[in-house]
Amino acid sequence: MPAPDSTASQRNGAPGHHGGGGGIALYTKLAMSLRHRIATGEWAVGDQLPTVEQFAQDFNLGKITVRQALAQLAAEGLITSRRGRGTHVAALPKGNTPGLRSAINDMVVDASDLKIKVLDKATGQILPEALSHAGKPFADYVRILKLHVHKGVPFSLMEMYVATPIFNRFPRGAERRQKISHLLHDASPGGIGNLHQTITVEPASDVTARHLDYVLAAPVAKVIRVMLDKQRGIISAGVFWYRGDTFVLETEVPAELTQRYPSISIPKPRAGG
């Protein structure tokens, strides 16, 4: 995994009141919360927001902190304020677009919607034990550390391992132009078998915050994805970190599978949950 960078927390420091969340300014946390409400449609464009006094009361914060948060959103063009008319939503966050949804979810994505930056590539790698449990590892892998960018904004950091015999079937340099998932479908001689995927939410580390141009300790979606061939060989495995403010994962499952296996659409509750 990417090595921690102890200087990132200093770079991400901000003036103002701070809470216990990795040194993040309280107004930055509030701005993130309000931005999320706008992105998810709780407040639509044109809606009037509560007053500074109401926000201060609801979040138990000082009025200065609230004004700093609102100023941050205004600088992003998300809200506008006029004396005597209050504060209104002016626009949705730029990341919340169909193009970004496609860049995250579709195997084949137009070059105008997705830019791929390969940060590092190493051959002759052993698959980490944490990614080996779902199937049978190959002898060695190509490790690729890359960043996916939509309209100039990075949205996903990925550390992927591709089985060397499969990677050698890729067109030269294709990992810099196309998604690995698309290349795997064309390069796997026996076809694709199963996909194992685990999704959790965690605070952004200094490394993920730096690469994703994100706030330290802000929520990121962490996806562990293992792809098997039909002989249960692990042809690809990796860890994906997505910015929490733009992450949308869409999955389509055939109806006959959900009827036969209801837990696919309605997960079984955990004991004590």
C-alpha atoms as a PDB file:
ATOM      1  CA  MET A   1       0.000   0.000   0.000  1.00  0.00           C
ATOM      2  CA  PRO A   2       1.177   3.580  -0.412  1.00  0.00           C
ATOM      3  CA  ALA A   3       3.525   4.638   2.384  1.00  0.00           C
ATOM      4  CA  PRO A   4       2.215   7.236   4.849  1.00  0.00           C
ATOM      5  CA  ASP A   5       3.366  10.820   4.422  1.00  0.00           C
ATOM      6  CA  SER A   6       3.763  12.507   7.796  1.00  0.00           C
ATOM      7  CA  THR A   7       3.901  15.984   6.266  1.00  0.00           C
ATOM      8  CA  ALA A   8       0.429  15.885   4.728  1.00  0.00           C
ATOM      9  CA  SER A   9      -1.349  16.723   7.973  1.00  0.00           C
ATOM     10  CA  GLN A  10       0.709  19.899   8.199  1.00  0.00           C
ATOM     11  CA  ARG A  11      -0.137  20.842   4.610  1.00  0.00           C
ATOM     12  CA  ASN A  12      -3.828  20.228   5.239  1.00  0.00           C
ATOM     13  CA  GLY A  13      -3.933  22.303   8.404  1.00  0.00           C
ATOM     14  CA  ALA A  14      -6.324  25.219   8.342  1.00  0.00           C
ATOM     15  CA  PRO A  15      -6.843  28.285  10.527  1.00  0.00           C
ATOM     16  CA  GLY A  16      -9.841  28.598  12.803  1.00  0.00           C
ATOM     17  CA  HIS A  17     -11.287  26.375  15.502  1.00  0.00           C
ATOM     18  CA  HIS A  18     -10.206  22.753  15.454  1.00  0.00           C
ATOM     19  CA  GLY A  19     -11.872  19.611  16.707  1.00  0.00           C
ATOM     20  CA  GLY A  20     -10.498  16.152  17.362  1.00  0.00           C
ATOM     21  CA  GLY A  21     -10.649  14.861  13.785  1.00  0.00           C
ATOM     22  CA  GLY A  22      -7.014  14.864  12.736  1.00  0.00           C
ATOM     23  CA  GLY A  23      -6.612  18.645  13.034  1.00  0.00           C
ATOM     24  CA  ILE A  24      -9.419  19.506  10.603  1.00  0.00           C
ATOM     25  CA  ALA A  25     -10.896  22.951  11.167  1.00  0.00           C
ATOM     26  CA  LEU A  26     -14.482  22.846  12.423  1.00  0.00           C
ATOM     27  CA  TYR A  27     -15.618  25.166   9.637  1.00  0.00           C
ATOM     28  CA  THR A  28     -14.149  22.723   7.095  1.00  0.00           C
ATOM     29  CA  LYS A  29     -16.091  19.851   8.678  1.00  0.00           C
ATOM     30  CA  LEU A  30     -19.276  21.940   8.600  1.00  0.00           C
ATOM     31  CA  ALA A  31     -18.668  22.905   4.965  1.00  0.00           C
ATOM     32  CA  MET A  32     -18.256  19.210   4.094  1.00  0.00           C
ATOM     33  CA  SER A  33     -21.555  18.376   5.792  1.00  0.00           C
ATOM     34  CA  LEU A  34     -23.435  21.162   4.039  1.00  0.00           C
ATOM     35  CA  ARG A  35     -21.833  20.324   0.698  1.00  0.00           C
ATOM     36  CA  HIS A  36     -22.999  16.724   1.087  1.00  0.00           C
ATOM     37  CA  ARG A  37     -26.564  17.858   1.733  1.00  0.00           C
ATOM     38  CA  ILE A  38     -26.509  19.894  -1.465  1.00  0.00           C
ATOM     39  CA  ALA A  39     -24.938  17.052  -3.476  1.00  0.00           C
ATOM     40  CA  THR A  40     -27.536  14.535  -2.313  1.00  0.00           C
ATOM     41  CA  GLY A  41     -30.467  16.830  -3.101  1.00  0.00           C
ATOM     42  CA  GLU A  42     -31.556  17.614   0.462  1.00  0.00           C
ATOM     43  CA  TRP A  43     -31.318  21.228  -0.652  1.00  0.00           C
ATOM     44  CA  ALA A  44     -32.065  21.889  -4.315  1.00  0.00           C
ATOM     45  CA  VAL A  45     -30.767  24.767  -6.406  1.00  0.00           C
ATOM     46  CA  GLY A  46     -32.755  27.850  -5.381  1.00  0.00           C
ATOM     47  CA  ASP A  47     -33.593  26.614  -1.891  1.00  0.00           C
ATOM     48  CA  GLN A  48     -32.964  28.986   0.981  1.00  0.00           C
ATOM     49  CA  LEU A  49     -30.614  27.766   3.692  1.00  0.00           C
ATOM     50  CA  PRO A  50     -31.115  28.304   7.435  1.00  0.00           C
ATOM     51  CA  THR A  51     -29.662  31.448   8.961  1.00  0.00           C
ATOM     52  CA  VAL A  52     -26.224  31.658  10.524  1.00  0.00           C
ATOM     53  CA  GLU A  53     -27.897  31.749  13.920  1.00  0.00           C
ATOM     54  CA  GLN A  54     -29.894  28.581  13.178  1.00  0.00           C
ATOM     55  CA  PHE A  55     -26.817  26.708  11.907  1.00  0.00           C
ATOM     56  CA  ALA A  56     -24.862  27.773  14.995  1.00  0.00           C
ATOM     57  CA  GLN A  57     -27.612  26.439  17.226  1.00  0.00           C
ATOM     58  CA  ASP A  58     -28.116  23.191  15.267  1.00  0.00           C
ATOM     59  CA  PHE A  59     -24.402  22.314  15.180  1.00  0.00           C
ATOM     60  CA  ASN A  60     -23.451  23.872  18.517  1.00  0.00           C
ATOM     61  CA  LEU A  61     -20.841  26.052  16.830  1.00  0.00           C
ATOM     62  CA  GLY A  62     -19.907  29.701  16.989  1.00  0.00           C
ATOM     63  CA  LYS A  63     -21.288  32.116  14.413  1.00  0.00           C
ATOM     64  CA  ILE A  64     -17.766  32.881  13.130  1.00  0.00           C
ATOM     65  CA  THR A  65     -17.223  29.187  12.373  1.00  0.00           C
ATOM     66  CA  VAL A  66     -20.547  29.020  10.517  1.00  0.00           C
ATOM     67  CA  ARG A  67     -19.705  32.123   8.481  1.00  0.00           C
ATOM     68  CA  GLN A  68     -16.323  30.617   7.563  1.00  0.00           C
ATOM     69  CA  ALA A  69     -18.038  27.435   6.336  1.00  0.00           C
ATOM     70  CA  LEU A  70     -20.561  29.388   4.282  1.00  0.00           C
ATOM     71  CA  ALA A  71     -17.776  31.538   2.840  1.00  0.00           C
ATOM     72  CA  GLN A  72     -16.019  28.359   1.695  1.00  0.00           C
ATOM     73  CA  LEU A  73     -19.151  27.141  -0.105  1.00  0.00           C
ATOM     74  CA  ALA A  74     -19.687  30.587  -1.617  1.00  0.00           C
ATOM     75  CA  ALA A  75     -16.111  30.568  -2.944  1.00  0.00           C
ATOM     76  CA  GLU A  76     -16.928  27.265  -4.663  1.00  0.00           C
ATOM     77  CA  GLY A  77     -19.997  28.830  -6.273  1.00  0.00           C
ATOM     78  CA  LEU A  78     -22.419  26.528  -4.440  1.00  0.00           C
ATOM     79  CA  ILE A  79     -24.301  29.238  -2.541  1.00  0.00           C
ATOM     80  CA  THR A  80     -25.024  32.942  -2.810  1.00  0.00           C
ATOM     81  CA  SER A  81     -25.975  35.401  -0.082  1.00  0.00           C
ATOM     82  CA  ARG A  82     -27.769  38.725  -0.390  1.00  0.00           C
ATOM     83  CA  ARG A  83     -28.599  41.136   2.360  1.00  0.00           C
ATOM     84  CA  GLY A  84     -32.269  40.941   3.200  1.00  0.00           C
ATOM     85  CA  ARG A  85     -32.826  37.836   1.038  1.00  0.00           C
ATOM     86  CA  GLY A  86     -30.781  35.227   2.859  1.00  0.00           C
ATOM     87  CA  THR A  87     -28.521  32.461   1.547  1.00  0.00           C
ATOM     88  CA  HIS A  88     -29.595  30.231  -1.334  1.00  0.00           C
ATOM     89  CA  VAL A  89     -28.189  27.190  -3.137  1.00  0.00           C
ATOM     90  CA  ALA A  90     -26.724  28.355  -6.443  1.00  0.00           C
ATOM     91  CA  ALA A  91     -25.293  25.156  -7.958  1.00  0.00           C
ATOM     92  CA  LEU A  92     -24.524  21.493  -7.366  1.00  0.00           C
ATOM     93  CA  PRO A  93     -20.972  20.347  -6.606  1.00  0.00           C
ATOM     94  CA  LYS A  94     -19.097  19.878  -9.884  1.00  0.00           C
ATOM     95  CA  GLY A  95     -18.274  16.263  -9.140  1.00  0.00           C
ATOM     96  CA  ASN A  96     -21.923  15.243  -8.953  1.00  0.00           C
ATOM     97  CA  THR A  97     -22.391  14.689 -12.717  1.00  0.00           C
ATOM     98  CA  PRO A  98     -23.400  11.837 -15.047  1.00  0.00           C
ATOM     99  CA  GLY A  99     -19.879  11.933 -16.496  1.00  0.00           C
ATOM    100  CA  LEU A 100     -18.357  11.133 -13.129  1.00  0.00           C
ATOM    101  CA  ARG A 101     -20.870   8.343 -12.501  1.00  0.00           C
ATOM    102  CA  SER A 102     -19.790   6.848 -15.816  1.00  0.00           C
ATOM    103  CA  ALA A 103     -16.091   7.263 -14.966  1.00  0.00           C
ATOM    104  CA  ILE A 104     -16.628   5.316 -11.735  1.00  0.00           C
ATOM    105  CA  ASN A 105     -18.990   2.598 -12.944  1.00  0.00           C
ATOM    106  CA  ASP A 106     -18.558   1.942 -16.668  1.00  0.00           C
ATOM    107  CA  MET A 107     -15.811  -0.305 -18.035  1.00  0.00           C
ATOM    108  CA  VAL A 108     -15.469   1.718 -21.234  1.00  0.00           C
ATOM    109  CA  VAL A 109     -15.301   5.459 -20.599  1.00  0.00           C
ATOM    110  CA  ASP A 110     -14.817   8.326 -23.023  1.00  0.00           C
ATOM    111  CA  ALA A 111     -11.405   9.963 -22.742  1.00  0.00           C
ATOM    112  CA  SER A 112     -13.053  13.330 -22.061  1.00  0.00           C
ATOM    113  CA  ASP A 113     -14.559  11.921 -18.842  1.00  0.00           C
ATOM    114  CA  LEU A 114     -11.608   9.930 -17.531  1.00  0.00           C
ATOM    115  CA  LYS A 115      -7.888  10.640 -17.348  1.00  0.00           C
ATOM    116  CA  ILE A 116      -5.616   7.892 -16.029  1.00  0.00           C
ATOM    117  CA  LYS A 117      -2.335   8.751 -14.316  1.00  0.00           C
ATOM    118  CA  VAL A 118      -0.034   5.801 -13.643  1.00  0.00           C
ATOM    119  CA  LEU A 119       2.002   6.798 -10.583  1.00  0.00           C
ATOM    120  CA  ASP A 120       4.090   3.635 -10.335  1.00  0.00           C
ATOM    121  CA  LYS A 121       4.424   0.210 -11.978  1.00  0.00           C
ATOM    122  CA  ALA A 122       6.466  -2.751 -10.751  1.00  0.00           C
ATOM    123  CA  THR A 123       6.831  -6.247 -12.200  1.00  0.00           C
ATOM    124  CA  GLY A 124       7.564  -9.551 -10.476  1.00  0.00           C
ATOM    125  CA  GLN A 125       5.377  -8.818  -7.451  1.00  0.00           C
ATOM    126  CA  ILE A 126       3.813 -11.312  -5.040  1.00  0.00           C
ATOM    127  CA  LEU A 127       0.112 -10.828  -4.340  1.00  0.00           C
ATOM    128  CA  PRO A 128      -0.333  -9.566  -0.741  1.00  0.00           C
ATOM    129  CA  GLU A 129      -1.896 -12.082   1.619  1.00  0.00           C
ATOM    130  CA  ALA A 130      -4.811  -9.744   2.328  1.00  0.00           C
ATOM    131  CA  LEU A 131      -5.845 -10.029  -1.345  1.00  0.00           C
ATOM    132  CA  SER A 132      -5.214 -13.773  -1.716  1.00  0.00           C
ATOM    133  CA  HIS A 133      -8.076 -15.326   0.254  1.00  0.00           C
ATOM    134  CA  ALA A 134     -10.742 -15.458  -2.467  1.00  0.00           C
ATOM    135  CA  GLY A 135      -8.910 -17.735  -4.933  1.00  0.00           C
ATOM    136  CA  LYS A 136      -5.603 -19.137  -6.160  1.00  0.00           C
ATOM    137  CA  PRO A 137      -2.821 -16.592  -6.750  1.00  0.00           C
ATOM    138  CA  PHE A 138      -0.611 -16.712  -9.819  1.00  0.00           C
ATOM    139  CA  ALA A 139       3.168 -16.945  -9.402  1.00  0.00           C
ATOM    140  CA  ASP A 140       3.718 -13.216  -9.847  1.00  0.00           C
ATOM    141  CA  TYR A 141       1.915  -9.988 -10.665  1.00  0.00           C
ATOM    142  CA  VAL A 142       2.375  -6.511 -12.071  1.00  0.00           C
ATOM    143  CA  ARG A 143       1.593  -3.894  -9.433  1.00  0.00           C
ATOM    144  CA  ILE A 144       0.079  -0.660 -10.738  1.00  0.00           C
ATOM    145  CA  LEU A 145      -0.517   2.423  -8.612  1.00  0.00           C
ATOM    146  CA  LYS A 146      -2.703   4.860 -10.496  1.00  0.00           C
ATOM    147  CA  LEU A 147      -5.005   7.832 -10.139  1.00  0.00           C
ATOM    148  CA  HIS A 148      -8.305   8.372 -11.962  1.00  0.00           C
ATOM    149  CA  VAL A 149      -9.213  11.986 -12.721  1.00  0.00           C
ATOM    150  CA  HIS A 150     -12.491  13.494 -13.940  1.00  0.00           C
ATOM    151  CA  LYS A 151     -12.422  16.988 -15.434  1.00  0.00           C
ATOM    152  CA  GLY A 152      -9.214  17.812 -13.584  1.00  0.00           C
ATOM    153  CA  VAL A 153     -10.397  16.507 -10.200  1.00  0.00           C
ATOM    154  CA  PRO A 154      -8.918  13.211  -8.887  1.00  0.00           C
ATOM    155  CA  PHE A 155     -11.627  10.898  -7.590  1.00  0.00           C
ATOM    156  CA  SER A 156      -9.961   7.502  -7.086  1.00  0.00           C
ATOM    157  CA  LEU A 157      -6.555   6.200  -6.018  1.00  0.00           C
ATOM    158  CA  MET A 158      -5.938   2.557  -6.940  1.00  0.00           C
ATOM    159  CA  GLU A 159      -3.321  -0.026  -6.077  1.00  0.00           C
ATOM    160  CA  MET A 160      -3.887  -2.983  -8.390  1.00  0.00           C
ATOM    161  CA  TYR A 161      -2.196  -6.319  -8.993  1.00  0.00           C
ATOM    162  CA  VAL A 162      -2.631  -7.980 -12.389  1.00  0.00           C
ATOM    163  CA  ALA A 163      -1.393 -11.534 -12.983  1.00  0.00           C
ATOM    164  CA  THR A 164       1.693 -11.288 -15.200  1.00  0.00           C
ATOM    165  CA  PRO A 165       0.481 -13.728 -17.899  1.00  0.00           C
ATOM    166  CA  ILE A 166      -2.706 -11.661 -18.207  1.00  0.00           C
ATOM    167  CA  PHE A 167      -0.929  -8.306 -18.141  1.00  0.00           C
ATOM    168  CA  ASN A 168       1.387  -9.465 -20.941  1.00  0.00           C
ATOM    169  CA  ARG A 169      -1.702  -9.794 -23.149  1.00  0.00           C
ATOM    170  CA  PHE A 170      -2.554  -6.110 -22.744  1.00  0.00           C
ATOM    171  CA  PRO A 171      -1.676  -3.819 -25.672  1.00  0.00           C
ATOM    172  CA  ARG A 172       1.500  -1.924 -24.856  1.00  0.00           C
ATOM    173  CA  GLY A 173       0.741   1.022 -22.580  1.00  0.00           C
ATOM    174  CA  ALA A 174      -2.994   0.253 -22.522  1.00  0.00           C
ATOM    175  CA  GLU A 175      -3.148   0.596 -18.719  1.00  0.00           C
ATOM    176  CA  ARG A 176      -2.576   4.331 -19.230  1.00  0.00           C
ATOM    177  CA  ARG A 177      -5.522   4.673 -21.621  1.00  0.00           C
ATOM    178  CA  GLN A 178      -8.169   2.176 -20.520  1.00  0.00           C
ATOM    179  CA  LYS A 179      -9.608   0.754 -17.333  1.00  0.00           C
ATOM    180  CA  ILE A 180      -7.983  -2.482 -16.141  1.00  0.00           C
ATOM    181  CA  SER A 181     -11.444  -4.075 -15.847  1.00  0.00           C
ATOM    182  CA  HIS A 182     -12.005  -3.576 -19.576  1.00  0.00           C
ATOM    183  CA  LEU A 183      -8.562  -4.918 -20.474  1.00  0.00           C
ATOM    184  CA  LEU A 184      -9.084  -8.005 -18.318  1.00  0.00           C
ATOM    185  CA  HIS A 185     -12.203  -9.024 -20.227  1.00  0.00           C
ATOM    186  CA  ASP A 186     -10.271  -8.951 -23.496  1.00  0.00           C
ATOM    187  CA  ALA A 187      -7.068 -10.545 -22.162  1.00  0.00           C
ATOM    188  CA  SER A 188      -8.382 -13.428 -20.023  1.00  0.00           C
ATOM    189  CA  PRO A 189      -8.246 -16.561 -22.212  1.00  0.00           C
ATOM    190  CA  GLY A 190     -10.614 -18.601 -20.021  1.00  0.00           C
ATOM    191  CA  GLY A 191     -13.046 -15.780 -19.431  1.00  0.00           C
ATOM    192  CA  ILE A 192     -14.006 -13.990 -16.223  1.00  0.00           C
ATOM    193  CA  GLY A 193     -15.411 -16.017 -13.343  1.00  0.00           C
ATOM    194  CA  ASN A 194     -16.423 -14.342 -10.084  1.00  0.00           C
ATOM    195  CA  LEU A 195     -15.901 -10.906  -8.622  1.00  0.00           C
ATOM    196  CA  HIS A 196     -15.405 -10.516  -4.864  1.00  0.00           C
ATOM    197  CA  GLN A 197     -15.875  -7.011  -3.514  1.00  0.00           C
ATOM    198  CA  THR A 198     -15.794  -5.496  -0.033  1.00  0.00           C
ATOM    199  CA  ILE A 199     -16.722  -1.850   0.578  1.00  0.00           C
ATOM    200  CA  THR A 200     -15.972   0.049   3.779  1.00  0.00           C
ATOM    201  CA  VAL A 201     -15.757   3.687   4.786  1.00  0.00           C
ATOM    202  CA  GLU A 202     -12.672   5.083   6.489  1.00  0.00           C
ATOM    203  CA  PRO A 203     -11.085   8.487   7.130  1.00  0.00           C
ATOM    204  CA  ALA A 204      -8.706   9.722   4.464  1.00  0.00           C
ATOM    205  CA  SER A 205      -5.077   9.145   5.402  1.00  0.00           C
ATOM    206  CA  ASP A 206      -2.412  11.703   4.630  1.00  0.00           C
ATOM    207  CA  VAL A 207      -1.554   9.722   1.479  1.00  0.00           C
ATOM    208  CA  THR A 208      -5.088   9.420   0.100  1.00  0.00           C
ATOM    209  CA  ALA A 209      -5.862  13.032   1.016  1.00  0.00           C
ATOM    210  CA  ARG A 210      -2.759  14.227  -0.826  1.00  0.00           C
ATOM    211  CA  HIS A 211      -3.347  12.175  -3.976  1.00  0.00           C
ATOM    212  CA  LEU A 212      -7.094  12.865  -4.105  1.00  0.00           C
ATOM    213  CA  ASP A 213      -6.718  16.576  -3.299  1.00  0.00           C
ATOM    214  CA  TYR A 214      -9.027  15.923  -0.378  1.00  0.00           C
ATOM    215  CA  VAL A 215      -9.338  16.850   3.287  1.00  0.00           C
ATOM    216  CA  LEU A 216      -7.373  14.770   5.790  1.00  0.00           C
ATOM    217  CA  ALA A 217      -9.701  12.415   7.729  1.00  0.00           C
ATOM    218  CA  ALA A 218     -12.665  13.177   5.459  1.00  0.00           C
ATOM    219  CA  PRO A 219     -14.626  10.018   4.541  1.00  0.00           C
ATOM    220  CA  VAL A 220     -13.352   7.840   1.703  1.00  0.00           C
ATOM    221  CA  ALA A 221     -14.931   4.682   0.317  1.00  0.00           C
ATOM    222  CA  LYS A 222     -12.401   1.845   0.398  1.00  0.00           C
ATOM    223  CA  VAL A 223     -13.144  -0.964  -2.065  1.00  0.00           C
ATOM    224  CA  ILE A 224     -11.228  -4.257  -2.034  1.00  0.00           C
ATOM    225  CA  ARG A 225     -11.880  -5.999  -5.336  1.00  0.00           C
ATOM    226  CA  VAL A 226     -10.699  -9.464  -6.408  1.00  0.00           C
ATOM    227  CA  MET A 227     -11.446 -10.826  -9.900  1.00  0.00           C
ATOM    228  CA  LEU A 228     -11.210 -14.549 -10.608  1.00  0.00           C
ATOM    229  CA  ASP A 229     -11.074 -16.623 -13.761  1.00  0.00           C
ATOM    230  CA  LYS A 230     -13.307 -19.659 -14.148  1.00  0.00           C
ATOM    231  CA  GLN A 231     -10.655 -21.866 -12.514  1.00  0.00           C
ATOM    232  CA  ARG A 232     -10.676 -19.515  -9.471  1.00  0.00           C
ATOM    233  CA  GLY A 233      -7.305 -18.092 -10.322  1.00  0.00           C
ATOM    234  CA  ILE A 234      -6.873 -14.507  -9.122  1.00  0.00           C
ATOM    235  CA  ILE A 235      -6.271 -12.602 -12.324  1.00  0.00           C
ATOM    236  CA  SER A 236      -6.543  -9.204 -10.656  1.00  0.00           C
ATOM    237  CA  ALA A 237      -6.888  -7.805  -7.144  1.00  0.00           C
ATOM    238  CA  GLY A 238      -6.576  -4.398  -5.639  1.00  0.00           C
ATOM    239  CA  VAL A 239      -7.588  -1.672  -3.248  1.00  0.00           C
ATOM    240  CA  PHE A 240      -9.468   1.388  -4.474  1.00  0.00           C
ATOM    241  CA  TRP A 241      -9.945   4.605  -2.496  1.00  0.00           C
ATOM    242  CA  TYR A 242     -12.745   6.948  -3.656  1.00  0.00           C
ATOM    243  CA  ARG A 243     -13.473  10.449  -2.413  1.00  0.00           C
ATOM    244  CA  GLY A 244     -16.579  10.208  -0.272  1.00  0.00           C
ATOM    245  CA  ASP A 245     -18.088  13.415  -1.636  1.00  0.00           C
ATOM    246  CA  THR A 246     -18.318  12.045  -5.190  1.00  0.00           C
ATOM    247  CA  PHE A 247     -18.560   8.257  -4.800  1.00  0.00           C
ATOM    248  CA  VAL A 248     -21.477   6.467  -6.470  1.00  0.00           C
ATOM    249  CA  LEU A 249     -21.234   2.709  -7.060  1.00  0.00           C
ATOM    250  CA  GLU A 250     -23.915   1.243  -9.319  1.00  0.00           C
ATOM    251  CA  THR A 251     -24.476  -2.516  -9.633  1.00  0.00           C
ATOM    252  CA  GLU A 252     -26.938  -4.343 -11.858  1.00  0.00           C
ATOM    253  CA  VAL A 253     -27.890  -7.910 -10.900  1.00  0.00           C
ATOM    254  CA  PRO A 254     -30.117 -10.143 -13.088  1.00  0.00           C
ATOM    255  CA  ALA A 255     -33.594 -10.610 -11.578  1.00  0.00           C
ATOM    256  CA  GLU A 256     -33.338 -14.405 -11.605  1.00  0.00           C
ATOM    257  CA  LEU A 257     -30.300 -14.235  -9.329  1.00  0.00           C
ATOM    258  CA  THR A 258     -31.997 -11.981  -6.783  1.00  0.00           C
ATOM    259  CA  GLN A 259     -35.003 -14.307  -6.787  1.00  0.00           C
ATOM    260  CA  ARG A 260     -32.862 -17.364  -6.207  1.00  0.00           C
ATOM    261  CA  TYR A 261     -30.510 -15.629  -3.767  1.00  0.00           C
ATOM    262  CA  PRO A 262     -32.510 -12.913  -1.940  1.00  0.00           C
ATOM    263  CA  SER A 263     -29.509 -11.989   0.210  1.00  0.00           C
ATOM    264  CA  ILE A 264     -27.959 -10.357  -2.871  1.00  0.00           C
ATOM    265  CA  SER A 265     -30.539  -7.579  -2.756  1.00  0.00           C
ATOM    266  CA  ILE A 266     -31.443  -7.810   0.937  1.00  0.00           C
ATOM    267  CA  PRO A 267     -28.283  -8.556   2.961  1.00  0.00           C
ATOM    268  CA  LYS A 268     -28.728 -10.742   5.996  1.00  0.00           C
ATOM    269  CA  PRO A 269     -28.355  -8.699   9.217  1.00  0.00           C
ATOM    270  CA  ARG A 270     -25.280  -9.391  11.276  1.00  0.00           C
ATOM    271  CA  ALA A 271     -25.723 -10.862  14.720  1.00  0.00           C
ATOM    272  CA  GLY A 272     -26.210  -8.094  17.248  1.00  0.00           C
ATOM    273  CA  GLY A 273     -26.676  -5.517  14.467  1.00  0.00           C
END
